[in-house]
């Protein structure tokens, strides 16, 4: 499967993922159209300066919101592939504005599914999060619901060819609202705020995330959740990597936070296949799971759980510093373009 001569839409395309995805597409493929669909006209204006239509004649910029089904119908006409990267994802804001998170993350997902089927889109890949596994906050709950909608969307296709799958991964190094930009800012004060010294998180770079989505897009048959094998790191080690001379101040765990994140729960172990560098969680529906009978993956143990706290793959201080440097260089490059 190739993206060459295909019409690709990135929903939520002005975010950090969308920018990296567009760069990879333009450098490695020859898409017929690359459509950025998002609701912020200023971000589109800024992105169009980096990727102007005169230089990149495949680029298109559509204003729209996943809540607006009618607008989606218009925008999705003629689209072959969709990458869904739009969400309200700030945990405290979602807790305080739950109806808004539900409208975007759940109702928006349903809109995309129905419009994609009706408009004959061939493949849809939705981006998920580790917070969707055994969620304890509203954001995670809405993403779990969206994951299930996209998996079950394959049952609504009928005789059409649309396929829906999900990619789930952990914290992206340097993503908006995450701890790394916060620590880099607080580094100037000499004190880093620590919620709990035991806390761990999965980590993946933006480039790794985009490449994993592209690889999964090529392999998807519909109904599966792709989970990459990625490293974890303790919060105290992260603080040491960013500012070894800084003091730390324990501020307590915030509402809706876990000590450790999950990407695959024990309950999902029975339907999980392990590959060399990723896992697939097969769908519950037997008529979907038949598609995976010939997969080369190995079933995981019955008590398997993919947990950031017990994950044996740990980032070293030096490795994390390299990832942060890559993030800062990438940030500077986009600002200069």
C-alpha atoms as a PDB file:
ATOM      1  CA  UNK A   1       0.000   0.000   0.000  1.00  0.00           C
ATOM      2  CA  UNK A   2       1.308   3.422  -0.913  1.00  0.00           C
ATOM      3  CA  UNK A   3       0.194   6.987  -0.275  1.00  0.00           C
ATOM      4  CA  UNK A   4       1.268   7.942  -3.786  1.00  0.00           C
ATOM      5  CA  UNK A   5      -1.494   9.515  -5.881  1.00  0.00           C
ATOM      6  CA  UNK A   6      -3.956   9.201  -2.972  1.00  0.00           C
ATOM      7  CA  UNK A   7      -6.105  11.851  -1.316  1.00  0.00           C
ATOM      8  CA  UNK A   8      -5.226  11.926   2.394  1.00  0.00           C
ATOM      9  CA  UNK A   9      -6.990  13.929   5.094  1.00  0.00           C
ATOM     10  CA  UNK A  10      -5.436  14.643   8.495  1.00  0.00           C
ATOM     11  CA  UNK A  11      -8.179  15.615  10.927  1.00  0.00           C
ATOM     12  CA  UNK A  12      -6.619  17.856  13.559  1.00  0.00           C
ATOM     13  CA  UNK A  13      -3.814  18.374  11.076  1.00  0.00           C
ATOM     14  CA  UNK A  14      -2.421  21.642  12.476  1.00  0.00           C
ATOM     15  CA  UNK A  15      -1.170  19.935  15.638  1.00  0.00           C
ATOM     16  CA  UNK A  16       2.358  18.654  16.201  1.00  0.00           C
ATOM     17  CA  UNK A  17       1.473  15.224  14.805  1.00  0.00           C
ATOM     18  CA  UNK A  18      -0.068  16.747  11.685  1.00  0.00           C
ATOM     19  CA  UNK A  19       2.988  18.867  10.940  1.00  0.00           C
ATOM     20  CA  UNK A  20       5.342  15.907  11.305  1.00  0.00           C
ATOM     21  CA  UNK A  21       3.042  13.669   9.270  1.00  0.00           C
ATOM     22  CA  UNK A  22       2.870  16.213   6.437  1.00  0.00           C
ATOM     23  CA  UNK A  23       6.662  16.516   6.404  1.00  0.00           C
ATOM     24  CA  UNK A  24       7.048  12.738   6.089  1.00  0.00           C
ATOM     25  CA  UNK A  25       4.397  12.564   3.358  1.00  0.00           C
ATOM     26  CA  UNK A  26       5.988  15.322   1.285  1.00  0.00           C
ATOM     27  CA  UNK A  27       9.516  13.933   1.686  1.00  0.00           C
ATOM     28  CA  UNK A  28       8.733  10.278   1.010  1.00  0.00           C
ATOM     29  CA  UNK A  29       5.526  10.065  -1.027  1.00  0.00           C
ATOM     30  CA  UNK A  30       3.677  11.810  -3.816  1.00  0.00           C
ATOM     31  CA  UNK A  31       0.094  12.276  -2.579  1.00  0.00           C
ATOM     32  CA  UNK A  32      -2.532  13.576  -4.969  1.00  0.00           C
ATOM     33  CA  UNK A  33      -3.922  15.789  -2.210  1.00  0.00           C
ATOM     34  CA  UNK A  34      -2.965  16.297   1.430  1.00  0.00           C
ATOM     35  CA  UNK A  35      -5.877  17.884   3.247  1.00  0.00           C
ATOM     36  CA  UNK A  36      -5.462  19.634   6.598  1.00  0.00           C
ATOM     37  CA  UNK A  37      -8.830  19.663   8.380  1.00  0.00           C
ATOM     38  CA  UNK A  38      -8.962  21.655  11.616  1.00  0.00           C
ATOM     39  CA  UNK A  39     -10.935  24.391  13.354  1.00  0.00           C
ATOM     40  CA  UNK A  40      -8.252  27.025  14.024  1.00  0.00           C
ATOM     41  CA  UNK A  41      -7.778  29.359  11.068  1.00  0.00           C
ATOM     42  CA  UNK A  42      -4.671  30.996  12.537  1.00  0.00           C
ATOM     43  CA  UNK A  43      -2.884  27.665  12.936  1.00  0.00           C
ATOM     44  CA  UNK A  44      -3.776  26.873   9.326  1.00  0.00           C
ATOM     45  CA  UNK A  45      -2.419  30.259   8.272  1.00  0.00           C
ATOM     46  CA  UNK A  46       0.836  29.540  10.117  1.00  0.00           C
ATOM     47  CA  UNK A  47       1.088  26.043   8.682  1.00  0.00           C
ATOM     48  CA  UNK A  48       0.403  27.300   5.155  1.00  0.00           C
ATOM     49  CA  UNK A  49       3.461  29.530   5.477  1.00  0.00           C
ATOM     50  CA  UNK A  50       5.556  26.410   6.080  1.00  0.00           C
ATOM     51  CA  UNK A  51       3.822  24.411   3.348  1.00  0.00           C
ATOM     52  CA  UNK A  52       2.456  26.976   0.845  1.00  0.00           C
ATOM     53  CA  UNK A  53       0.273  25.770  -2.021  1.00  0.00           C
ATOM     54  CA  UNK A  54       2.550  27.376  -4.647  1.00  0.00           C
ATOM     55  CA  UNK A  55       5.434  25.160  -3.543  1.00  0.00           C
ATOM     56  CA  UNK A  56       3.389  22.146  -2.495  1.00  0.00           C
ATOM     57  CA  UNK A  57       0.467  21.989  -4.913  1.00  0.00           C
ATOM     58  CA  UNK A  58      -1.028  18.923  -3.192  1.00  0.00           C
ATOM     59  CA  UNK A  59      -1.709  20.866   0.023  1.00  0.00           C
ATOM     60  CA  UNK A  60      -5.261  21.876   0.953  1.00  0.00           C
ATOM     61  CA  UNK A  61      -6.477  23.641   4.099  1.00  0.00           C
ATOM     62  CA  UNK A  62     -10.094  23.137   5.213  1.00  0.00           C
ATOM     63  CA  UNK A  63     -11.657  24.845   8.227  1.00  0.00           C
ATOM     64  CA  UNK A  64     -14.011  22.508  10.051  1.00  0.00           C
ATOM     65  CA  UNK A  65     -14.866  20.726  13.280  1.00  0.00           C
ATOM     66  CA  UNK A  66     -15.511  17.025  13.837  1.00  0.00           C
ATOM     67  CA  UNK A  67     -18.688  18.056  15.642  1.00  0.00           C
ATOM     68  CA  UNK A  68     -20.038  19.432  12.345  1.00  0.00           C
ATOM     69  CA  UNK A  69     -21.181  16.401  10.385  1.00  0.00           C
ATOM     70  CA  UNK A  70     -22.386  18.400   7.397  1.00  0.00           C
ATOM     71  CA  UNK A  71     -18.988  20.053   6.993  1.00  0.00           C
ATOM     72  CA  UNK A  72     -17.297  16.663   7.216  1.00  0.00           C
ATOM     73  CA  UNK A  73     -19.519  15.369   4.400  1.00  0.00           C
ATOM     74  CA  UNK A  74     -18.314  18.176   2.141  1.00  0.00           C
ATOM     75  CA  UNK A  75     -14.655  17.912   3.144  1.00  0.00           C
ATOM     76  CA  UNK A  76     -14.381  14.110   2.857  1.00  0.00           C
ATOM     77  CA  UNK A  77     -15.625  13.874  -0.730  1.00  0.00           C
ATOM     78  CA  UNK A  78     -13.021  12.047  -2.796  1.00  0.00           C
ATOM     79  CA  UNK A  79     -10.784  11.210   0.190  1.00  0.00           C
ATOM     80  CA  UNK A  80      -9.013   7.828   0.141  1.00  0.00           C
ATOM     81  CA  UNK A  81      -7.427   7.779   3.614  1.00  0.00           C
ATOM     82  CA  UNK A  82      -8.117   9.574   6.905  1.00  0.00           C
ATOM     83  CA  UNK A  83      -5.790  10.018   9.881  1.00  0.00           C
ATOM     84  CA  UNK A  84      -7.840  11.182  12.861  1.00  0.00           C
ATOM     85  CA  UNK A  85      -5.657  13.176  15.250  1.00  0.00           C
ATOM     86  CA  UNK A  86      -8.181  15.679  16.657  1.00  0.00           C
ATOM     87  CA  UNK A  87      -9.177  15.614  20.336  1.00  0.00           C
ATOM     88  CA  UNK A  88      -9.753  17.666  23.449  1.00  0.00           C
ATOM     89  CA  UNK A  89      -6.936  16.083  25.441  1.00  0.00           C
ATOM     90  CA  UNK A  90      -6.021  18.268  28.419  1.00  0.00           C
ATOM     91  CA  UNK A  91      -7.045  16.172  31.425  1.00  0.00           C
ATOM     92  CA  UNK A  92      -8.013  18.978  33.887  1.00  0.00           C
ATOM     93  CA  UNK A  93      -9.923  20.907  31.203  1.00  0.00           C
ATOM     94  CA  UNK A  94     -11.823  17.800  30.139  1.00  0.00           C
ATOM     95  CA  UNK A  95     -12.747  17.147  33.791  1.00  0.00           C
ATOM     96  CA  UNK A  96     -14.164  20.663  34.123  1.00  0.00           C
ATOM     97  CA  UNK A  97     -15.835  20.705  30.685  1.00  0.00           C
ATOM     98  CA  UNK A  98     -16.996  17.101  30.277  1.00  0.00           C
ATOM     99  CA  UNK A  99     -19.794  17.781  27.786  1.00  0.00           C
ATOM    100  CA  UNK A 100     -17.355  19.503  25.447  1.00  0.00           C
ATOM    101  CA  UNK A 101     -14.892  16.613  25.598  1.00  0.00           C
ATOM    102  CA  UNK A 102     -17.698  14.162  24.849  1.00  0.00           C
ATOM    103  CA  UNK A 103     -18.911  16.208  21.866  1.00  0.00           C
ATOM    104  CA  UNK A 104     -15.457  16.280  20.285  1.00  0.00           C
ATOM    105  CA  UNK A 105     -13.906  12.973  21.314  1.00  0.00           C
ATOM    106  CA  UNK A 106     -16.964  10.700  21.145  1.00  0.00           C
ATOM    107  CA  UNK A 107     -19.608  12.351  18.978  1.00  0.00           C
ATOM    108  CA  UNK A 108     -16.873  13.586  16.651  1.00  0.00           C
ATOM    109  CA  UNK A 109     -15.609  10.009  16.298  1.00  0.00           C
ATOM    110  CA  UNK A 110     -19.095   8.810  15.380  1.00  0.00           C
ATOM    111  CA  UNK A 111     -19.406  11.584  12.790  1.00  0.00           C
ATOM    112  CA  UNK A 112     -16.114  10.571  11.172  1.00  0.00           C
ATOM    113  CA  UNK A 113     -17.133   6.902  11.047  1.00  0.00           C
ATOM    114  CA  UNK A 114     -20.522   7.575   9.453  1.00  0.00           C
ATOM    115  CA  UNK A 115     -19.191  10.112   6.948  1.00  0.00           C
ATOM    116  CA  UNK A 116     -16.219   7.916   5.985  1.00  0.00           C
ATOM    117  CA  UNK A 117     -18.516   4.972   5.222  1.00  0.00           C
ATOM    118  CA  UNK A 118     -21.005   7.079   3.256  1.00  0.00           C
ATOM    119  CA  UNK A 119     -18.265   8.795   1.240  1.00  0.00           C
ATOM    120  CA  UNK A 120     -16.376   5.595   0.436  1.00  0.00           C
ATOM    121  CA  UNK A 121     -13.133   6.326   2.315  1.00  0.00           C
ATOM    122  CA  UNK A 122     -10.901   3.254   2.073  1.00  0.00           C
ATOM    123  CA  UNK A 123      -9.021   3.406   5.392  1.00  0.00           C
ATOM    124  CA  UNK A 124      -9.373   5.395   8.618  1.00  0.00           C
ATOM    125  CA  UNK A 125      -6.733   5.322  11.363  1.00  0.00           C
ATOM    126  CA  UNK A 126      -7.608   6.940  14.685  1.00  0.00           C
ATOM    127  CA  UNK A 127      -4.952   8.022  17.187  1.00  0.00           C
ATOM    128  CA  UNK A 128      -5.526   6.922  20.774  1.00  0.00           C
ATOM    129  CA  UNK A 129      -3.621   7.227  24.053  1.00  0.00           C
ATOM    130  CA  UNK A 130      -2.391   5.090  26.925  1.00  0.00           C
ATOM    131  CA  UNK A 131      -4.948   6.913  29.071  1.00  0.00           C
ATOM    132  CA  UNK A 132      -7.690   4.960  27.266  1.00  0.00           C
ATOM    133  CA  UNK A 133      -6.595   1.701  28.955  1.00  0.00           C
ATOM    134  CA  UNK A 134      -8.469   1.330  32.281  1.00  0.00           C
ATOM    135  CA  UNK A 135      -9.218   5.093  32.310  1.00  0.00           C
ATOM    136  CA  UNK A 136      -9.610   7.009  35.553  1.00  0.00           C
ATOM    137  CA  UNK A 137     -10.249  10.436  34.016  1.00  0.00           C
ATOM    138  CA  UNK A 138     -12.838  11.714  31.571  1.00  0.00           C
ATOM    139  CA  UNK A 139     -10.348  12.265  28.759  1.00  0.00           C
ATOM    140  CA  UNK A 140      -9.232   8.630  28.960  1.00  0.00           C
ATOM    141  CA  UNK A 141     -12.848   7.469  29.147  1.00  0.00           C
ATOM    142  CA  UNK A 142     -13.796   9.427  26.021  1.00  0.00           C
ATOM    143  CA  UNK A 143     -10.799   8.020  24.143  1.00  0.00           C
ATOM    144  CA  UNK A 144     -11.664   4.475  25.229  1.00  0.00           C
ATOM    145  CA  UNK A 145     -15.179   5.052  23.942  1.00  0.00           C
ATOM    146  CA  UNK A 146     -13.793   6.437  20.678  1.00  0.00           C
ATOM    147  CA  UNK A 147     -11.491   3.406  20.323  1.00  0.00           C
ATOM    148  CA  UNK A 148     -14.474   1.097  20.664  1.00  0.00           C
ATOM    149  CA  UNK A 149     -16.478   3.145  18.174  1.00  0.00           C
ATOM    150  CA  UNK A 150     -13.734   2.929  15.561  1.00  0.00           C
ATOM    151  CA  UNK A 151     -13.281  -0.823  16.086  1.00  0.00           C
ATOM    152  CA  UNK A 152     -17.038  -1.433  15.918  1.00  0.00           C
ATOM    153  CA  UNK A 153     -17.298   0.902  12.934  1.00  0.00           C
ATOM    154  CA  UNK A 154     -16.193  -2.030  10.796  1.00  0.00           C
ATOM    155  CA  UNK A 155     -19.560  -3.661  11.554  1.00  0.00           C
ATOM    156  CA  UNK A 156     -21.405  -0.706  10.003  1.00  0.00           C
ATOM    157  CA  UNK A 157     -19.588  -0.890   6.681  1.00  0.00           C
ATOM    158  CA  UNK A 158     -21.741  -3.611   5.133  1.00  0.00           C
ATOM    159  CA  UNK A 159     -20.573  -4.392   1.601  1.00  0.00           C
ATOM    160  CA  UNK A 160     -18.441  -1.267   1.365  1.00  0.00           C
ATOM    161  CA  UNK A 161     -14.660  -1.363   1.671  1.00  0.00           C
ATOM    162  CA  UNK A 162     -14.019   1.155   4.467  1.00  0.00           C
ATOM    163  CA  UNK A 163     -11.766  -0.174   7.258  1.00  0.00           C
ATOM    164  CA  UNK A 164     -11.220   1.395  10.675  1.00  0.00           C
ATOM    165  CA  UNK A 165      -8.292   0.774  13.040  1.00  0.00           C
ATOM    166  CA  UNK A 166      -6.629   2.460  16.019  1.00  0.00           C
ATOM    167  CA  UNK A 167      -3.056   3.283  17.047  1.00  0.00           C
ATOM    168  CA  UNK A 168      -2.428   3.634  20.781  1.00  0.00           C
ATOM    169  CA  UNK A 169       0.837   4.975  22.195  1.00  0.00           C
ATOM    170  CA  UNK A 170       2.215   6.821  25.218  1.00  0.00           C
ATOM    171  CA  UNK A 171       3.471  10.322  25.963  1.00  0.00           C
ATOM    172  CA  UNK A 172       4.976  12.146  23.009  1.00  0.00           C
ATOM    173  CA  UNK A 173       8.247  13.877  23.889  1.00  0.00           C
ATOM    174  CA  UNK A 174       7.487  17.591  24.012  1.00  0.00           C
ATOM    175  CA  UNK A 175       3.771  17.430  23.204  1.00  0.00           C
ATOM    176  CA  UNK A 176       1.684  20.401  24.275  1.00  0.00           C
ATOM    177  CA  UNK A 177       0.764  20.362  27.956  1.00  0.00           C
ATOM    178  CA  UNK A 178       3.145  17.513  28.785  1.00  0.00           C
ATOM    179  CA  UNK A 179       5.742  17.443  31.528  1.00  0.00           C
ATOM    180  CA  UNK A 180       8.845  17.990  29.372  1.00  0.00           C
ATOM    181  CA  UNK A 181       7.974  21.540  28.197  1.00  0.00           C
ATOM    182  CA  UNK A 182       6.939  22.281  31.794  1.00  0.00           C
ATOM    183  CA  UNK A 183      10.255  21.055  33.199  1.00  0.00           C
ATOM    184  CA  UNK A 184      12.216  22.974  30.560  1.00  0.00           C
ATOM    185  CA  UNK A 185      10.393  26.146  31.586  1.00  0.00           C
ATOM    186  CA  UNK A 186      10.649  25.533  35.328  1.00  0.00           C
ATOM    187  CA  UNK A 187      14.344  24.712  34.942  1.00  0.00           C
ATOM    188  CA  UNK A 188      14.949  28.470  34.892  1.00  0.00           C
ATOM    189  CA  UNK A 189      13.606  28.738  38.467  1.00  0.00           C
ATOM    190  CA  UNK A 190      15.925  26.020  39.793  1.00  0.00           C
ATOM    191  CA  UNK A 191      13.021  23.916  41.109  1.00  0.00           C
ATOM    192  CA  UNK A 192      11.073  21.189  39.298  1.00  0.00           C
ATOM    193  CA  UNK A 193       7.575  20.223  40.552  1.00  0.00           C
ATOM    194  CA  UNK A 194       7.155  16.460  41.035  1.00  0.00           C
ATOM    195  CA  UNK A 195       3.704  14.957  41.480  1.00  0.00           C
ATOM    196  CA  UNK A 196       4.967  11.625  42.856  1.00  0.00           C
ATOM    197  CA  UNK A 197       8.547  10.290  42.757  1.00  0.00           C
ATOM    198  CA  UNK A 198       7.288   6.786  41.897  1.00  0.00           C
ATOM    199  CA  UNK A 199       5.513   7.929  38.725  1.00  0.00           C
ATOM    200  CA  UNK A 200       6.460   6.391  35.350  1.00  0.00           C
ATOM    201  CA  UNK A 201       5.381   7.074  31.778  1.00  0.00           C
ATOM    202  CA  UNK A 202       5.811   5.541  28.328  1.00  0.00           C
ATOM    203  CA  UNK A 203       7.736   7.799  25.927  1.00  0.00           C
ATOM    204  CA  UNK A 204       7.781   8.079  22.142  1.00  0.00           C
ATOM    205  CA  UNK A 205       9.071  10.805  19.836  1.00  0.00           C
ATOM    206  CA  UNK A 206       6.855  12.577  17.344  1.00  0.00           C
ATOM    207  CA  UNK A 207       8.781  11.086  14.431  1.00  0.00           C
ATOM    208  CA  UNK A 208       8.503   7.586  15.894  1.00  0.00           C
ATOM    209  CA  UNK A 209       4.770   8.081  16.388  1.00  0.00           C
ATOM    210  CA  UNK A 210       4.246   9.197  12.789  1.00  0.00           C
ATOM    211  CA  UNK A 211       6.341   6.336  11.413  1.00  0.00           C
ATOM    212  CA  UNK A 212       4.424   3.822  13.520  1.00  0.00           C
ATOM    213  CA  UNK A 213       1.097   5.190  12.254  1.00  0.00           C
ATOM    214  CA  UNK A 214       2.301   4.885   8.648  1.00  0.00           C
ATOM    215  CA  UNK A 215       3.531   1.324   9.227  1.00  0.00           C
ATOM    216  CA  UNK A 216       0.268   0.363  10.946  1.00  0.00           C
ATOM    217  CA  UNK A 217      -1.733   1.996   8.170  1.00  0.00           C
ATOM    218  CA  UNK A 218      -0.020  -0.263   5.682  1.00  0.00           C
ATOM    219  CA  UNK A 219      -0.743  -3.407   7.738  1.00  0.00           C
ATOM    220  CA  UNK A 220      -4.274  -2.715   8.986  1.00  0.00           C
ATOM    221  CA  UNK A 221      -7.181  -4.915   7.943  1.00  0.00           C
ATOM    222  CA  UNK A 222      -9.746  -3.192  10.179  1.00  0.00           C
ATOM    223  CA  UNK A 223     -10.757  -3.695  13.797  1.00  0.00           C
ATOM    224  CA  UNK A 224      -7.335  -3.931  15.423  1.00  0.00           C
ATOM    225  CA  UNK A 225      -5.569  -1.657  17.917  1.00  0.00           C
ATOM    226  CA  UNK A 226      -1.843  -1.252  17.221  1.00  0.00           C
ATOM    227  CA  UNK A 227       0.447  -0.685  20.222  1.00  0.00           C
ATOM    228  CA  UNK A 228       4.185  -0.008  19.738  1.00  0.00           C
ATOM    229  CA  UNK A 229       6.889  -1.353  22.026  1.00  0.00           C
ATOM    230  CA  UNK A 230       8.397   1.788  23.531  1.00  0.00           C
ATOM    231  CA  UNK A 231      10.512   2.629  26.608  1.00  0.00           C
ATOM    232  CA  UNK A 232       9.428   3.986  29.982  1.00  0.00           C
ATOM    233  CA  UNK A 233      11.059   6.393  32.402  1.00  0.00           C
ATOM    234  CA  UNK A 234      10.610   7.355  36.034  1.00  0.00           C
ATOM    235  CA  UNK A 235       9.707  11.002  36.684  1.00  0.00           C
ATOM    236  CA  UNK A 236      12.724  11.524  38.959  1.00  0.00           C
ATOM    237  CA  UNK A 237      15.039  10.242  36.215  1.00  0.00           C
ATOM    238  CA  UNK A 238      13.350  12.610  33.766  1.00  0.00           C
ATOM    239  CA  UNK A 239      13.987  15.515  36.147  1.00  0.00           C
ATOM    240  CA  UNK A 240      17.621  14.420  36.437  1.00  0.00           C
ATOM    241  CA  UNK A 241      17.949  14.280  32.650  1.00  0.00           C
ATOM    242  CA  UNK A 242      16.587  17.805  32.218  1.00  0.00           C
ATOM    243  CA  UNK A 243      18.175  19.577  35.159  1.00  0.00           C
ATOM    244  CA  UNK A 244      20.516  17.564  37.411  1.00  0.00           C
ATOM    245  CA  UNK A 245      21.267  20.647  39.508  1.00  0.00           C
ATOM    246  CA  UNK A 246      17.627  21.580  40.157  1.00  0.00           C
ATOM    247  CA  UNK A 247      15.846  20.978  43.419  1.00  0.00           C
ATOM    248  CA  UNK A 248      12.601  18.996  43.312  1.00  0.00           C
ATOM    249  CA  UNK A 249       9.377  19.856  45.090  1.00  0.00           C
ATOM    250  CA  UNK A 250       6.729  17.183  45.680  1.00  0.00           C
ATOM    251  CA  UNK A 251       3.319  18.717  44.857  1.00  0.00           C
ATOM    252  CA  UNK A 252       1.149  15.586  45.018  1.00  0.00           C
ATOM    253  CA  UNK A 253      -0.600  13.595  42.335  1.00  0.00           C
ATOM    254  CA  UNK A 254      -3.230  15.546  40.408  1.00  0.00           C
ATOM    255  CA  UNK A 255      -6.875  14.481  39.985  1.00  0.00           C
ATOM    256  CA  UNK A 256      -7.239  12.025  37.127  1.00  0.00           C
ATOM    257  CA  UNK A 257      -3.568  10.987  37.122  1.00  0.00           C
ATOM    258  CA  UNK A 258      -2.153   7.489  37.538  1.00  0.00           C
ATOM    259  CA  UNK A 259       1.183   6.503  39.020  1.00  0.00           C
ATOM    260  CA  UNK A 260       1.769   4.239  36.016  1.00  0.00           C
ATOM    261  CA  UNK A 261       0.085   4.149  32.620  1.00  0.00           C
ATOM    262  CA  UNK A 262      -1.237   1.091  30.815  1.00  0.00           C
ATOM    263  CA  UNK A 263      -1.341   0.445  27.094  1.00  0.00           C
ATOM    264  CA  UNK A 264      -2.604  -3.131  27.272  1.00  0.00           C
ATOM    265  CA  UNK A 265      -4.624  -4.386  30.230  1.00  0.00           C
ATOM    266  CA  UNK A 266      -4.713  -7.929  31.587  1.00  0.00           C
ATOM    267  CA  UNK A 267      -8.294  -8.122  30.382  1.00  0.00           C
ATOM    268  CA  UNK A 268      -7.052  -7.580  26.817  1.00  0.00           C
ATOM    269  CA  UNK A 269      -4.262 -10.178  27.087  1.00  0.00           C
ATOM    270  CA  UNK A 270      -6.441 -12.982  25.721  1.00  0.00           C
ATOM    271  CA  UNK A 271      -6.840 -11.155  22.402  1.00  0.00           C
ATOM    272  CA  UNK A 272      -3.334  -9.651  22.123  1.00  0.00           C
ATOM    273  CA  UNK A 273      -0.697 -10.759  19.625  1.00  0.00           C
ATOM    274  CA  UNK A 274       2.983  -9.887  20.058  1.00  0.00           C
ATOM    275  CA  UNK A 275       5.253  -9.003  17.143  1.00  0.00           C
ATOM    276  CA  UNK A 276       8.899  -7.977  17.083  1.00  0.00           C
ATOM    277  CA  UNK A 277       8.352  -4.289  17.828  1.00  0.00           C
ATOM    278  CA  UNK A 278       4.619  -3.932  18.454  1.00  0.00           C
ATOM    279  CA  UNK A 279       1.426  -5.596  19.673  1.00  0.00           C
ATOM    280  CA  UNK A 280      -2.009  -5.956  18.102  1.00  0.00           C
ATOM    281  CA  UNK A 281      -5.154  -6.083  20.233  1.00  0.00           C
ATOM    282  CA  UNK A 282      -7.664  -8.036  18.185  1.00  0.00           C
ATOM    283  CA  UNK A 283     -11.342  -7.013  18.233  1.00  0.00           C
ATOM    284  CA  UNK A 284     -13.875  -8.806  20.413  1.00  0.00           C
ATOM    285  CA  UNK A 285     -16.182  -9.609  17.531  1.00  0.00           C
ATOM    286  CA  UNK A 286     -15.454 -13.104  16.199  1.00  0.00           C
ATOM    287  CA  UNK A 287     -16.240 -12.091  12.610  1.00  0.00           C
ATOM    288  CA  UNK A 288     -13.498  -9.440  12.806  1.00  0.00           C
ATOM    289  CA  UNK A 289     -10.969 -11.631  14.583  1.00  0.00           C
ATOM    290  CA  UNK A 290     -11.098 -14.210  11.765  1.00  0.00           C
ATOM    291  CA  UNK A 291      -9.054 -11.748   9.730  1.00  0.00           C
ATOM    292  CA  UNK A 292      -6.061 -12.344  12.031  1.00  0.00           C
ATOM    293  CA  UNK A 293      -5.920 -16.155  11.941  1.00  0.00           C
ATOM    294  CA  UNK A 294      -2.930 -16.114   9.601  1.00  0.00           C
ATOM    295  CA  UNK A 295      -0.998 -13.398  11.413  1.00  0.00           C
ATOM    296  CA  UNK A 296       2.575 -14.168  12.420  1.00  0.00           C
ATOM    297  CA  UNK A 297       2.070 -12.710  15.893  1.00  0.00           C
ATOM    298  CA  UNK A 298       2.461 -14.772  19.056  1.00  0.00           C
ATOM    299  CA  UNK A 299      -0.301 -14.737  21.714  1.00  0.00           C
ATOM    300  CA  UNK A 300       0.878 -13.113  24.951  1.00  0.00           C
ATOM    301  CA  UNK A 301       0.654 -14.809  28.369  1.00  0.00           C
ATOM    302  CA  UNK A 302      -2.733 -14.871  30.105  1.00  0.00           C
ATOM    303  CA  UNK A 303      -1.585 -12.484  32.824  1.00  0.00           C
ATOM    304  CA  UNK A 304       0.252 -10.129  30.449  1.00  0.00           C
ATOM    305  CA  UNK A 305      -0.057  -6.394  31.098  1.00  0.00           C
ATOM    306  CA  UNK A 306       1.787  -3.608  29.291  1.00  0.00           C
ATOM    307  CA  UNK A 307       2.471  -1.239  32.167  1.00  0.00           C
ATOM    308  CA  UNK A 308       4.930   1.689  32.250  1.00  0.00           C
ATOM    309  CA  UNK A 309       5.939   0.723  35.789  1.00  0.00           C
ATOM    310  CA  UNK A 310       6.878  -2.878  34.965  1.00  0.00           C
ATOM    311  CA  UNK A 311       8.066  -2.269  31.405  1.00  0.00           C
ATOM    312  CA  UNK A 312      11.648  -3.670  31.263  1.00  0.00           C
ATOM    313  CA  UNK A 313      12.696  -1.222  28.533  1.00  0.00           C
ATOM    314  CA  UNK A 314      13.895   1.924  30.326  1.00  0.00           C
ATOM    315  CA  UNK A 315      15.316   5.109  28.858  1.00  0.00           C
ATOM    316  CA  UNK A 316      18.723   6.155  30.162  1.00  0.00           C
ATOM    317  CA  UNK A 317      19.423   9.780  31.095  1.00  0.00           C
ATOM    318  CA  UNK A 318      21.558  10.167  27.994  1.00  0.00           C
ATOM    319  CA  UNK A 319      18.866   8.738  25.716  1.00  0.00           C
ATOM    320  CA  UNK A 320      16.239  11.078  27.120  1.00  0.00           C
ATOM    321  CA  UNK A 321      18.554  14.078  26.705  1.00  0.00           C
ATOM    322  CA  UNK A 322      19.021  13.107  23.058  1.00  0.00           C
ATOM    323  CA  UNK A 323      15.249  12.912  22.551  1.00  0.00           C
ATOM    324  CA  UNK A 324      14.736  16.311  24.197  1.00  0.00           C
ATOM    325  CA  UNK A 325      17.440  17.850  22.005  1.00  0.00           C
ATOM    326  CA  UNK A 326      15.699  16.424  18.933  1.00  0.00           C
ATOM    327  CA  UNK A 327      12.397  17.911  20.104  1.00  0.00           C
ATOM    328  CA  UNK A 328      13.971  21.350  20.687  1.00  0.00           C
ATOM    329  CA  UNK A 329      15.687  21.312  17.281  1.00  0.00           C
ATOM    330  CA  UNK A 330      12.429  20.322  15.612  1.00  0.00           C
ATOM    331  CA  UNK A 331      10.574  23.108  17.413  1.00  0.00           C
ATOM    332  CA  UNK A 332      13.151  25.669  16.333  1.00  0.00           C
ATOM    333  CA  UNK A 333      13.091  24.431  12.744  1.00  0.00           C
ATOM    334  CA  UNK A 334       9.320  24.843  12.426  1.00  0.00           C
ATOM    335  CA  UNK A 335       9.541  28.345  13.871  1.00  0.00           C
ATOM    336  CA  UNK A 336      12.190  29.304  11.318  1.00  0.00           C
ATOM    337  CA  UNK A 337      10.362  27.876   8.302  1.00  0.00           C
END
